[in-house]
């Protein structure tokens, strides 16, 4: 037997919130907000952070509906900010990968469909990515007015720098993970220009293993943002590999947690220009500061903890945003 959740009118939903101690500053505005934003997403997703520890669904004294809405908006704004930065990460990776792959196989048609152009240790993943690339070409060549159709019909080949724009981030990460170590080393070496730009004192090594580990967690975070899932409390499936250049500065130890939003944010210094990372950092800082001014019943440090950020992170100084 299942306990069925019966439909409730918005007025009934508001009465439930009030019975649990939530303050409704503007009844009509609350009603419209719940109607257009989904009670389940707002209340079940974000009001729990304002509840007491008694386990009876009661809210902390003084909790208002506006605070819950501000928390919901904050999570959305952070996701949008992270997503924009991740698009830049994806752009840089696609450009570097396409160049280095083409350089490695300059005279081979459809080189990325050749199993010999990949690592022998990744047979299953190689089979998957070759299948995906073939599917993309077979689909796109049917339609005129796109670059794949043009190259297939005029050159009987689609260069890597053309098909790369048709790959999603997951397919790109799989390709990087599957190419030979020599090629991965070249990509990682190219990315050190970003690391040195953001961390001028960097003199260590950026290995392919660290690069791929960081990129995989960036990809997981990207999917949360793109699918509009809740970023608060999100954790990647595994900790990224320890990279002292970015983690030591923030006192993150080798045995510390590296699967939260904060560590993903830090890792993007390896894939963004100094200006791009400054925009990301300063925008997030403003988002935290704005929410801090809106909260009354809980502290901003509690929200920072939900994303893995250190206490009072929003009070850190801004990073100078120069020219790209």
C-alpha atoms as a PDB file:
ATOM      1  CA  UNK A   1       0.000   0.000   0.000  1.00  0.00           C
ATOM      2  CA  UNK A   2       1.163   3.515  -0.840  1.00  0.00           C
ATOM      3  CA  UNK A   3       0.386   6.746   1.017  1.00  0.00           C
ATOM      4  CA  UNK A   4      -0.896   8.988  -1.727  1.00  0.00           C
ATOM      5  CA  UNK A   5      -0.005  12.687  -1.663  1.00  0.00           C
ATOM      6  CA  UNK A   6      -3.229  14.523  -2.429  1.00  0.00           C
ATOM      7  CA  UNK A   7      -3.341  17.689  -4.507  1.00  0.00           C
ATOM      8  CA  UNK A   8      -3.506  20.902  -2.478  1.00  0.00           C
ATOM      9  CA  UNK A   9      -4.631  24.333  -3.579  1.00  0.00           C
ATOM     10  CA  UNK A  10      -2.057  27.134  -3.248  1.00  0.00           C
ATOM     11  CA  UNK A  11      -4.076  28.611  -0.377  1.00  0.00           C
ATOM     12  CA  UNK A  12      -3.822  25.281   1.462  1.00  0.00           C
ATOM     13  CA  UNK A  13      -0.083  25.179   0.791  1.00  0.00           C
ATOM     14  CA  UNK A  14       0.342  28.618   2.353  1.00  0.00           C
ATOM     15  CA  UNK A  15      -1.721  27.630   5.371  1.00  0.00           C
ATOM     16  CA  UNK A  16       0.583  24.645   5.924  1.00  0.00           C
ATOM     17  CA  UNK A  17       3.631  26.931   5.824  1.00  0.00           C
ATOM     18  CA  UNK A  18       2.052  29.316   8.311  1.00  0.00           C
ATOM     19  CA  UNK A  19       1.112  26.437  10.625  1.00  0.00           C
ATOM     20  CA  UNK A  20       4.784  25.477  10.703  1.00  0.00           C
ATOM     21  CA  UNK A  21       5.846  28.946  11.755  1.00  0.00           C
ATOM     22  CA  UNK A  22       6.802  30.570   8.445  1.00  0.00           C
ATOM     23  CA  UNK A  23       6.057  34.290   8.103  1.00  0.00           C
ATOM     24  CA  UNK A  24       4.264  35.285   4.870  1.00  0.00           C
ATOM     25  CA  UNK A  25       4.987  39.029   4.364  1.00  0.00           C
ATOM     26  CA  UNK A  26       2.788  39.370   1.267  1.00  0.00           C
ATOM     27  CA  UNK A  27       0.070  36.741   0.826  1.00  0.00           C
ATOM     28  CA  UNK A  28      -0.806  37.548  -2.805  1.00  0.00           C
ATOM     29  CA  UNK A  29       2.840  37.676  -3.880  1.00  0.00           C
ATOM     30  CA  UNK A  30       3.503  34.374  -2.106  1.00  0.00           C
ATOM     31  CA  UNK A  31       0.527  32.786  -3.847  1.00  0.00           C
ATOM     32  CA  UNK A  32       1.683  33.943  -7.267  1.00  0.00           C
ATOM     33  CA  UNK A  33       5.261  32.826  -6.588  1.00  0.00           C
ATOM     34  CA  UNK A  34       4.235  29.307  -5.579  1.00  0.00           C
ATOM     35  CA  UNK A  35       1.921  29.044  -8.583  1.00  0.00           C
ATOM     36  CA  UNK A  36       4.671  29.976 -11.050  1.00  0.00           C
ATOM     37  CA  UNK A  37       7.675  28.309  -9.410  1.00  0.00           C
ATOM     38  CA  UNK A  38       6.331  24.966  -8.099  1.00  0.00           C
ATOM     39  CA  UNK A  39       5.772  24.386  -4.385  1.00  0.00           C
ATOM     40  CA  UNK A  40       7.826  21.184  -4.437  1.00  0.00           C
ATOM     41  CA  UNK A  41      10.914  22.900  -5.915  1.00  0.00           C
ATOM     42  CA  UNK A  42      10.784  25.867  -3.550  1.00  0.00           C
ATOM     43  CA  UNK A  43       9.612  24.398  -0.252  1.00  0.00           C
ATOM     44  CA  UNK A  44      10.930  20.832  -0.355  1.00  0.00           C
ATOM     45  CA  UNK A  45      14.141  21.967  -2.010  1.00  0.00           C
ATOM     46  CA  UNK A  46      15.090  25.081  -0.040  1.00  0.00           C
ATOM     47  CA  UNK A  47      12.913  25.692   3.027  1.00  0.00           C
ATOM     48  CA  UNK A  48      14.465  22.740   4.873  1.00  0.00           C
ATOM     49  CA  UNK A  49      17.543  24.886   5.519  1.00  0.00           C
ATOM     50  CA  UNK A  50      15.337  27.122   7.696  1.00  0.00           C
ATOM     51  CA  UNK A  51      13.764  24.358   9.766  1.00  0.00           C
ATOM     52  CA  UNK A  52      14.545  23.573  13.387  1.00  0.00           C
ATOM     53  CA  UNK A  53      16.407  20.415  14.356  1.00  0.00           C
ATOM     54  CA  UNK A  54      13.378  18.981  16.153  1.00  0.00           C
ATOM     55  CA  UNK A  55      12.285  16.960  13.111  1.00  0.00           C
ATOM     56  CA  UNK A  56       8.686  18.220  13.150  1.00  0.00           C
ATOM     57  CA  UNK A  57       8.961  20.443  10.045  1.00  0.00           C
ATOM     58  CA  UNK A  58       8.809  23.604  12.157  1.00  0.00           C
ATOM     59  CA  UNK A  59      10.695  26.674  10.967  1.00  0.00           C
ATOM     60  CA  UNK A  60      13.242  28.668  12.919  1.00  0.00           C
ATOM     61  CA  UNK A  61      11.564  31.603  14.635  1.00  0.00           C
ATOM     62  CA  UNK A  62      11.431  34.597  12.319  1.00  0.00           C
ATOM     63  CA  UNK A  63      11.822  32.625   9.069  1.00  0.00           C
ATOM     64  CA  UNK A  64      10.028  34.390   6.237  1.00  0.00           C
ATOM     65  CA  UNK A  65       8.903  33.149   2.858  1.00  0.00           C
ATOM     66  CA  UNK A  66      11.107  35.827   1.292  1.00  0.00           C
ATOM     67  CA  UNK A  67      14.220  34.214   2.783  1.00  0.00           C
ATOM     68  CA  UNK A  68      13.341  30.887   1.177  1.00  0.00           C
ATOM     69  CA  UNK A  69      12.786  32.622  -2.182  1.00  0.00           C
ATOM     70  CA  UNK A  70      16.122  34.411  -1.843  1.00  0.00           C
ATOM     71  CA  UNK A  71      17.856  31.097  -1.147  1.00  0.00           C
ATOM     72  CA  UNK A  72      16.212  29.590  -4.237  1.00  0.00           C
ATOM     73  CA  UNK A  73      17.265  32.578  -6.363  1.00  0.00           C
ATOM     74  CA  UNK A  74      20.799  32.418  -4.978  1.00  0.00           C
ATOM     75  CA  UNK A  75      21.181  28.769  -5.965  1.00  0.00           C
ATOM     76  CA  UNK A  76      19.942  29.556  -9.479  1.00  0.00           C
ATOM     77  CA  UNK A  77      22.281  32.533  -9.828  1.00  0.00           C
ATOM     78  CA  UNK A  78      25.288  30.510  -8.670  1.00  0.00           C
ATOM     79  CA  UNK A  79      24.397  27.760 -11.161  1.00  0.00           C
ATOM     80  CA  UNK A  80      24.149  30.298 -13.982  1.00  0.00           C
ATOM     81  CA  UNK A  81      27.467  31.845 -12.997  1.00  0.00           C
ATOM     82  CA  UNK A  82      29.221  28.483 -12.820  1.00  0.00           C
ATOM     83  CA  UNK A  83      27.639  27.336 -16.079  1.00  0.00           C
ATOM     84  CA  UNK A  84      28.862  30.388 -17.999  1.00  0.00           C
ATOM     85  CA  UNK A  85      32.385  29.788 -16.731  1.00  0.00           C
ATOM     86  CA  UNK A  86      32.201  26.077 -17.608  1.00  0.00           C
ATOM     87  CA  UNK A  87      31.202  26.989 -21.168  1.00  0.00           C
ATOM     88  CA  UNK A  88      34.498  28.872 -21.385  1.00  0.00           C
ATOM     89  CA  UNK A  89      36.325  25.844 -19.980  1.00  0.00           C
ATOM     90  CA  UNK A  90      34.689  23.672 -22.648  1.00  0.00           C
ATOM     91  CA  UNK A  91      35.605  26.152 -25.385  1.00  0.00           C
ATOM     92  CA  UNK A  92      39.279  26.205 -24.410  1.00  0.00           C
ATOM     93  CA  UNK A  93      39.478  22.428 -24.097  1.00  0.00           C
ATOM     94  CA  UNK A  94      37.843  21.861 -27.480  1.00  0.00           C
ATOM     95  CA  UNK A  95      40.214  24.275 -29.179  1.00  0.00           C
ATOM     96  CA  UNK A  96      43.365  22.811 -27.624  1.00  0.00           C
ATOM     97  CA  UNK A  97      42.254  19.202 -28.110  1.00  0.00           C
ATOM     98  CA  UNK A  98      41.298  19.691 -31.774  1.00  0.00           C
ATOM     99  CA  UNK A  99      44.625  21.353 -32.541  1.00  0.00           C
ATOM    100  CA  UNK A 100      46.764  18.720 -30.824  1.00  0.00           C
ATOM    101  CA  UNK A 101      44.772  15.793 -32.227  1.00  0.00           C
ATOM    102  CA  UNK A 102      45.014  17.180 -35.778  1.00  0.00           C
ATOM    103  CA  UNK A 103      48.730  17.789 -35.267  1.00  0.00           C
ATOM    104  CA  UNK A 104      49.218  14.157 -34.181  1.00  0.00           C
ATOM    105  CA  UNK A 105      47.331  12.666 -37.164  1.00  0.00           C
ATOM    106  CA  UNK A 106      47.733  15.213 -39.989  1.00  0.00           C
ATOM    107  CA  UNK A 107      47.263  12.931 -43.001  1.00  0.00           C
ATOM    108  CA  UNK A 108      44.622  10.467 -41.815  1.00  0.00           C
ATOM    109  CA  UNK A 109      41.026  10.866 -42.980  1.00  0.00           C
ATOM    110  CA  UNK A 110      38.464  10.496 -40.198  1.00  0.00           C
ATOM    111  CA  UNK A 111      41.356   9.850 -37.826  1.00  0.00           C
ATOM    112  CA  UNK A 112      39.110  10.027 -34.755  1.00  0.00           C
ATOM    113  CA  UNK A 113      37.183   6.993 -36.092  1.00  0.00           C
ATOM    114  CA  UNK A 114      40.367   4.895 -36.112  1.00  0.00           C
ATOM    115  CA  UNK A 115      40.822   2.776 -32.989  1.00  0.00           C
ATOM    116  CA  UNK A 116      44.594   2.970 -33.480  1.00  0.00           C
ATOM    117  CA  UNK A 117      44.511   6.680 -32.653  1.00  0.00           C
ATOM    118  CA  UNK A 118      43.493   5.918 -29.083  1.00  0.00           C
ATOM    119  CA  UNK A 119      44.972   4.216 -26.053  1.00  0.00           C
ATOM    120  CA  UNK A 120      44.911   0.428 -26.020  1.00  0.00           C
ATOM    121  CA  UNK A 121      43.894   0.518 -22.364  1.00  0.00           C
ATOM    122  CA  UNK A 122      40.498   2.157 -22.984  1.00  0.00           C
ATOM    123  CA  UNK A 123      38.860  -0.343 -25.361  1.00  0.00           C
ATOM    124  CA  UNK A 124      35.266  -0.011 -24.145  1.00  0.00           C
ATOM    125  CA  UNK A 125      35.362   3.781 -23.917  1.00  0.00           C
ATOM    126  CA  UNK A 126      37.043   3.998 -27.316  1.00  0.00           C
ATOM    127  CA  UNK A 127      34.297   1.871 -28.858  1.00  0.00           C
ATOM    128  CA  UNK A 128      31.682   4.137 -27.317  1.00  0.00           C
ATOM    129  CA  UNK A 129      33.217   7.400 -28.515  1.00  0.00           C
ATOM    130  CA  UNK A 130      33.841   6.126 -32.050  1.00  0.00           C
ATOM    131  CA  UNK A 131      30.206   5.034 -32.194  1.00  0.00           C
ATOM    132  CA  UNK A 132      29.074   8.469 -30.994  1.00  0.00           C
ATOM    133  CA  UNK A 133      31.229  10.298 -33.524  1.00  0.00           C
ATOM    134  CA  UNK A 134      29.933   8.096 -36.353  1.00  0.00           C
ATOM    135  CA  UNK A 135      26.375   8.778 -35.232  1.00  0.00           C
ATOM    136  CA  UNK A 136      26.972  12.540 -35.286  1.00  0.00           C
ATOM    137  CA  UNK A 137      28.403  12.446 -38.805  1.00  0.00           C
ATOM    138  CA  UNK A 138      25.656  10.182 -40.194  1.00  0.00           C
ATOM    139  CA  UNK A 139      22.981  12.403 -38.703  1.00  0.00           C
ATOM    140  CA  UNK A 140      24.396  15.781 -39.698  1.00  0.00           C
ATOM    141  CA  UNK A 141      25.465  14.852 -43.249  1.00  0.00           C
ATOM    142  CA  UNK A 142      21.784  14.429 -44.159  1.00  0.00           C
ATOM    143  CA  UNK A 143      21.060  18.099 -43.618  1.00  0.00           C
ATOM    144  CA  UNK A 144      22.413  20.872 -45.846  1.00  0.00           C
ATOM    145  CA  UNK A 145      23.747  24.161 -44.524  1.00  0.00           C
ATOM    146  CA  UNK A 146      25.968  22.684 -41.834  1.00  0.00           C
ATOM    147  CA  UNK A 147      29.725  22.186 -41.796  1.00  0.00           C
ATOM    148  CA  UNK A 148      29.643  18.368 -41.591  1.00  0.00           C
ATOM    149  CA  UNK A 149      27.419  18.102 -44.674  1.00  0.00           C
ATOM    150  CA  UNK A 150      29.784  20.464 -46.517  1.00  0.00           C
ATOM    151  CA  UNK A 151      32.959  18.554 -45.668  1.00  0.00           C
ATOM    152  CA  UNK A 152      31.496  15.105 -46.334  1.00  0.00           C
ATOM    153  CA  UNK A 153      30.274  16.149 -49.783  1.00  0.00           C
ATOM    154  CA  UNK A 154      33.283  18.230 -50.821  1.00  0.00           C
ATOM    155  CA  UNK A 155      36.209  16.433 -49.172  1.00  0.00           C
ATOM    156  CA  UNK A 156      34.890  13.026 -48.047  1.00  0.00           C
ATOM    157  CA  UNK A 157      36.357  13.853 -44.662  1.00  0.00           C
ATOM    158  CA  UNK A 158      35.325  15.814 -41.586  1.00  0.00           C
ATOM    159  CA  UNK A 159      38.371  17.245 -39.786  1.00  0.00           C
ATOM    160  CA  UNK A 160      38.562  17.079 -36.019  1.00  0.00           C
ATOM    161  CA  UNK A 161      38.348  20.876 -35.765  1.00  0.00           C
ATOM    162  CA  UNK A 162      34.954  20.706 -37.495  1.00  0.00           C
ATOM    163  CA  UNK A 163      33.309  17.834 -35.638  1.00  0.00           C
ATOM    164  CA  UNK A 164      34.601  19.059 -32.273  1.00  0.00           C
ATOM    165  CA  UNK A 165      31.852  21.701 -32.138  1.00  0.00           C
ATOM    166  CA  UNK A 166      29.190  18.988 -32.379  1.00  0.00           C
ATOM    167  CA  UNK A 167      30.429  17.156 -29.283  1.00  0.00           C
ATOM    168  CA  UNK A 168      28.885  17.672 -25.875  1.00  0.00           C
ATOM    169  CA  UNK A 169      31.147  18.100 -22.873  1.00  0.00           C
ATOM    170  CA  UNK A 170      30.861  14.452 -21.866  1.00  0.00           C
ATOM    171  CA  UNK A 171      31.974  13.237 -25.293  1.00  0.00           C
ATOM    172  CA  UNK A 172      34.885  15.682 -25.243  1.00  0.00           C
ATOM    173  CA  UNK A 173      36.008  14.443 -21.825  1.00  0.00           C
ATOM    174  CA  UNK A 174      35.808  10.835 -23.039  1.00  0.00           C
ATOM    175  CA  UNK A 175      37.980  11.634 -26.067  1.00  0.00           C
ATOM    176  CA  UNK A 176      40.596  13.354 -23.917  1.00  0.00           C
ATOM    177  CA  UNK A 177      40.556  10.403 -21.530  1.00  0.00           C
ATOM    178  CA  UNK A 178      41.007   7.903 -24.380  1.00  0.00           C
ATOM    179  CA  UNK A 179      43.842   9.405 -26.453  1.00  0.00           C
ATOM    180  CA  UNK A 180      47.440   8.253 -25.910  1.00  0.00           C
ATOM    181  CA  UNK A 181      49.398   9.643 -22.962  1.00  0.00           C
ATOM    182  CA  UNK A 182      51.739  11.565 -25.293  1.00  0.00           C
ATOM    183  CA  UNK A 183      48.796  13.567 -26.621  1.00  0.00           C
ATOM    184  CA  UNK A 184      47.347  14.086 -23.133  1.00  0.00           C
ATOM    185  CA  UNK A 185      50.699  15.485 -22.013  1.00  0.00           C
ATOM    186  CA  UNK A 186      50.626  18.067 -24.792  1.00  0.00           C
ATOM    187  CA  UNK A 187      47.119  19.182 -23.810  1.00  0.00           C
ATOM    188  CA  UNK A 188      48.059  19.430 -20.138  1.00  0.00           C
ATOM    189  CA  UNK A 189      51.177  21.417 -21.022  1.00  0.00           C
ATOM    190  CA  UNK A 190      49.103  23.855 -23.102  1.00  0.00           C
ATOM    191  CA  UNK A 191      46.803  24.395 -20.127  1.00  0.00           C
ATOM    192  CA  UNK A 192      49.669  25.426 -17.857  1.00  0.00           C
ATOM    193  CA  UNK A 193      49.503  28.871 -19.473  1.00  0.00           C
ATOM    194  CA  UNK A 194      46.165  29.347 -17.674  1.00  0.00           C
ATOM    195  CA  UNK A 195      47.588  28.074 -14.395  1.00  0.00           C
ATOM    196  CA  UNK A 196      50.562  30.433 -14.570  1.00  0.00           C
ATOM    197  CA  UNK A 197      48.225  33.274 -15.510  1.00  0.00           C
ATOM    198  CA  UNK A 198      46.117  32.702 -12.384  1.00  0.00           C
ATOM    199  CA  UNK A 199      48.925  31.454 -10.120  1.00  0.00           C
ATOM    200  CA  UNK A 200      52.136  33.272 -11.131  1.00  0.00           C
ATOM    201  CA  UNK A 201      54.254  31.323  -8.615  1.00  0.00           C
ATOM    202  CA  UNK A 202      53.353  27.953 -10.131  1.00  0.00           C
ATOM    203  CA  UNK A 203      56.439  25.924 -11.038  1.00  0.00           C
ATOM    204  CA  UNK A 204      55.203  22.376 -10.666  1.00  0.00           C
ATOM    205  CA  UNK A 205      53.736  19.852 -13.090  1.00  0.00           C
ATOM    206  CA  UNK A 206      50.191  19.589 -14.358  1.00  0.00           C
ATOM    207  CA  UNK A 207      49.864  15.913 -15.195  1.00  0.00           C
ATOM    208  CA  UNK A 208      47.260  14.359 -17.512  1.00  0.00           C
ATOM    209  CA  UNK A 209      45.886  12.382 -14.571  1.00  0.00           C
ATOM    210  CA  UNK A 210      45.213  15.557 -12.580  1.00  0.00           C
ATOM    211  CA  UNK A 211      43.844  17.343 -15.640  1.00  0.00           C
ATOM    212  CA  UNK A 212      41.355  14.578 -16.446  1.00  0.00           C
ATOM    213  CA  UNK A 213      40.320  14.217 -12.809  1.00  0.00           C
ATOM    214  CA  UNK A 214      39.531  17.944 -12.543  1.00  0.00           C
ATOM    215  CA  UNK A 215      37.704  17.988 -15.878  1.00  0.00           C
ATOM    216  CA  UNK A 216      35.495  15.052 -14.915  1.00  0.00           C
ATOM    217  CA  UNK A 217      34.265  16.882 -11.805  1.00  0.00           C
ATOM    218  CA  UNK A 218      33.752  20.088 -13.774  1.00  0.00           C
ATOM    219  CA  UNK A 219      31.633  18.055 -16.167  1.00  0.00           C
ATOM    220  CA  UNK A 220      29.500  16.655 -13.321  1.00  0.00           C
ATOM    221  CA  UNK A 221      28.957  20.157 -11.992  1.00  0.00           C
ATOM    222  CA  UNK A 222      28.088  21.373 -15.471  1.00  0.00           C
ATOM    223  CA  UNK A 223      25.336  18.765 -15.725  1.00  0.00           C
ATOM    224  CA  UNK A 224      23.800  19.869 -12.417  1.00  0.00           C
ATOM    225  CA  UNK A 225      23.761  23.478 -13.625  1.00  0.00           C
ATOM    226  CA  UNK A 226      22.473  22.658 -17.108  1.00  0.00           C
ATOM    227  CA  UNK A 227      19.635  20.463 -15.810  1.00  0.00           C
ATOM    228  CA  UNK A 228      18.735  23.022 -13.143  1.00  0.00           C
ATOM    229  CA  UNK A 229      19.165  20.596 -10.278  1.00  0.00           C
ATOM    230  CA  UNK A 230      19.963  21.907  -6.810  1.00  0.00           C
ATOM    231  CA  UNK A 231      23.613  22.885  -6.420  1.00  0.00           C
ATOM    232  CA  UNK A 232      23.416  23.335  -2.646  1.00  0.00           C
ATOM    233  CA  UNK A 233      24.812  20.176  -0.994  1.00  0.00           C
ATOM    234  CA  UNK A 234      25.854  18.740  -4.376  1.00  0.00           C
ATOM    235  CA  UNK A 235      28.888  16.474  -4.350  1.00  0.00           C
ATOM    236  CA  UNK A 236      30.673  14.895  -7.288  1.00  0.00           C
ATOM    237  CA  UNK A 237      30.982  11.124  -7.239  1.00  0.00           C
ATOM    238  CA  UNK A 238      34.686  11.214  -6.392  1.00  0.00           C
ATOM    239  CA  UNK A 239      37.256  13.630  -5.026  1.00  0.00           C
ATOM    240  CA  UNK A 240      39.431  15.206  -7.670  1.00  0.00           C
ATOM    241  CA  UNK A 241      43.112  14.351  -7.514  1.00  0.00           C
ATOM    242  CA  UNK A 242      45.144  16.575  -5.222  1.00  0.00           C
ATOM    243  CA  UNK A 243      46.780  19.507  -7.016  1.00  0.00           C
ATOM    244  CA  UNK A 244      48.815  21.535  -4.491  1.00  0.00           C
ATOM    245  CA  UNK A 245      49.005  24.626  -6.699  1.00  0.00           C
ATOM    246  CA  UNK A 246      45.298  25.374  -6.239  1.00  0.00           C
ATOM    247  CA  UNK A 247      44.439  23.613  -2.993  1.00  0.00           C
ATOM    248  CA  UNK A 248      47.283  24.553  -0.633  1.00  0.00           C
ATOM    249  CA  UNK A 249      46.454  28.252  -0.910  1.00  0.00           C
ATOM    250  CA  UNK A 250      43.064  27.554   0.672  1.00  0.00           C
ATOM    251  CA  UNK A 251      44.408  25.111   3.260  1.00  0.00           C
ATOM    252  CA  UNK A 252      42.775  22.104   1.599  1.00  0.00           C
ATOM    253  CA  UNK A 253      44.765  19.053   2.688  1.00  0.00           C
ATOM    254  CA  UNK A 254      45.443  15.910   0.611  1.00  0.00           C
ATOM    255  CA  UNK A 255      42.938  14.043   2.800  1.00  0.00           C
ATOM    256  CA  UNK A 256      40.371  16.855   2.542  1.00  0.00           C
ATOM    257  CA  UNK A 257      37.122  16.866   0.588  1.00  0.00           C
ATOM    258  CA  UNK A 258      37.492  17.854  -3.081  1.00  0.00           C
ATOM    259  CA  UNK A 259      34.087  17.102  -4.587  1.00  0.00           C
ATOM    260  CA  UNK A 260      32.127  20.203  -3.547  1.00  0.00           C
ATOM    261  CA  UNK A 261      31.345  23.342  -5.539  1.00  0.00           C
ATOM    262  CA  UNK A 262      34.201  25.279  -3.928  1.00  0.00           C
ATOM    263  CA  UNK A 263      36.871  22.828  -5.098  1.00  0.00           C
ATOM    264  CA  UNK A 264      35.330  22.773  -8.592  1.00  0.00           C
ATOM    265  CA  UNK A 265      35.427  26.570  -8.614  1.00  0.00           C
ATOM    266  CA  UNK A 266      39.115  26.560  -7.614  1.00  0.00           C
ATOM    267  CA  UNK A 267      39.989  23.975 -10.271  1.00  0.00           C
ATOM    268  CA  UNK A 268      38.739  26.226 -13.046  1.00  0.00           C
ATOM    269  CA  UNK A 269      41.895  28.308 -12.602  1.00  0.00           C
ATOM    270  CA  UNK A 270      43.528  25.560 -14.687  1.00  0.00           C
ATOM    271  CA  UNK A 271      41.196  26.113 -17.637  1.00  0.00           C
ATOM    272  CA  UNK A 272      40.281  29.825 -17.657  1.00  0.00           C
ATOM    273  CA  UNK A 273      42.187  32.999 -18.382  1.00  0.00           C
ATOM    274  CA  UNK A 274      42.931  35.326 -15.493  1.00  0.00           C
ATOM    275  CA  UNK A 275      40.129  37.659 -16.566  1.00  0.00           C
ATOM    276  CA  UNK A 276      37.612  34.831 -17.024  1.00  0.00           C
ATOM    277  CA  UNK A 277      38.401  33.447 -13.581  1.00  0.00           C
ATOM    278  CA  UNK A 278      38.246  36.931 -12.055  1.00  0.00           C
ATOM    279  CA  UNK A 279      34.752  37.413 -13.500  1.00  0.00           C
ATOM    280  CA  UNK A 280      33.682  34.054 -12.053  1.00  0.00           C
ATOM    281  CA  UNK A 281      35.209  34.749  -8.637  1.00  0.00           C
ATOM    282  CA  UNK A 282      33.919  38.295  -8.313  1.00  0.00           C
ATOM    283  CA  UNK A 283      30.414  37.374  -9.467  1.00  0.00           C
ATOM    284  CA  UNK A 284      30.175  34.549  -6.927  1.00  0.00           C
ATOM    285  CA  UNK A 285      31.447  36.853  -4.192  1.00  0.00           C
ATOM    286  CA  UNK A 286      28.705  39.361  -5.024  1.00  0.00           C
ATOM    287  CA  UNK A 287      26.072  36.610  -4.977  1.00  0.00           C
ATOM    288  CA  UNK A 288      27.133  35.511  -1.489  1.00  0.00           C
ATOM    289  CA  UNK A 289      27.256  39.081  -0.217  1.00  0.00           C
ATOM    290  CA  UNK A 290      23.792  39.865  -1.591  1.00  0.00           C
ATOM    291  CA  UNK A 291      22.267  36.766   0.015  1.00  0.00           C
ATOM    292  CA  UNK A 292      23.995  37.591   3.299  1.00  0.00           C
ATOM    293  CA  UNK A 293      22.127  40.891   3.366  1.00  0.00           C
ATOM    294  CA  UNK A 294      18.809  39.091   2.774  1.00  0.00           C
ATOM    295  CA  UNK A 295      19.096  36.422   5.478  1.00  0.00           C
ATOM    296  CA  UNK A 296      17.678  37.023   8.951  1.00  0.00           C
ATOM    297  CA  UNK A 297      17.014  33.627  10.558  1.00  0.00           C
ATOM    298  CA  UNK A 298      20.203  31.765   9.513  1.00  0.00           C
ATOM    299  CA  UNK A 299      23.801  32.841   8.938  1.00  0.00           C
ATOM    300  CA  UNK A 300      25.488  33.074   5.524  1.00  0.00           C
ATOM    301  CA  UNK A 301      28.194  30.733   6.856  1.00  0.00           C
ATOM    302  CA  UNK A 302      25.609  27.933   6.809  1.00  0.00           C
ATOM    303  CA  UNK A 303      25.024  28.519   3.110  1.00  0.00           C
ATOM    304  CA  UNK A 304      28.754  28.688   2.416  1.00  0.00           C
ATOM    305  CA  UNK A 305      29.118  25.319   4.124  1.00  0.00           C
ATOM    306  CA  UNK A 306      26.443  23.794   1.854  1.00  0.00           C
ATOM    307  CA  UNK A 307      28.660  24.593  -1.142  1.00  0.00           C
ATOM    308  CA  UNK A 308      31.964  23.817   0.556  1.00  0.00           C
ATOM    309  CA  UNK A 309      33.079  27.463   0.670  1.00  0.00           C
ATOM    310  CA  UNK A 310      35.061  28.747   3.677  1.00  0.00           C
ATOM    311  CA  UNK A 311      33.397  31.030   6.218  1.00  0.00           C
ATOM    312  CA  UNK A 312      32.843  34.658   5.189  1.00  0.00           C
ATOM    313  CA  UNK A 313      34.141  33.950   1.701  1.00  0.00           C
ATOM    314  CA  UNK A 314      32.035  36.801   0.313  1.00  0.00           C
ATOM    315  CA  UNK A 315      34.222  39.259   2.217  1.00  0.00           C
ATOM    316  CA  UNK A 316      37.339  38.277   0.259  1.00  0.00           C
ATOM    317  CA  UNK A 317      38.765  41.055  -1.886  1.00  0.00           C
ATOM    318  CA  UNK A 318      37.873  41.219  -5.553  1.00  0.00           C
ATOM    319  CA  UNK A 319      40.277  40.065  -8.265  1.00  0.00           C
ATOM    320  CA  UNK A 320      41.300  42.700 -10.787  1.00  0.00           C
ATOM    321  CA  UNK A 321      39.537  42.013 -14.096  1.00  0.00           C
ATOM    322  CA  UNK A 322      41.907  42.919 -16.906  1.00  0.00           C
ATOM    323  CA  UNK A 323      41.549  42.402 -20.625  1.00  0.00           C
ATOM    324  CA  UNK A 324      40.974  38.924 -21.994  1.00  0.00           C
END
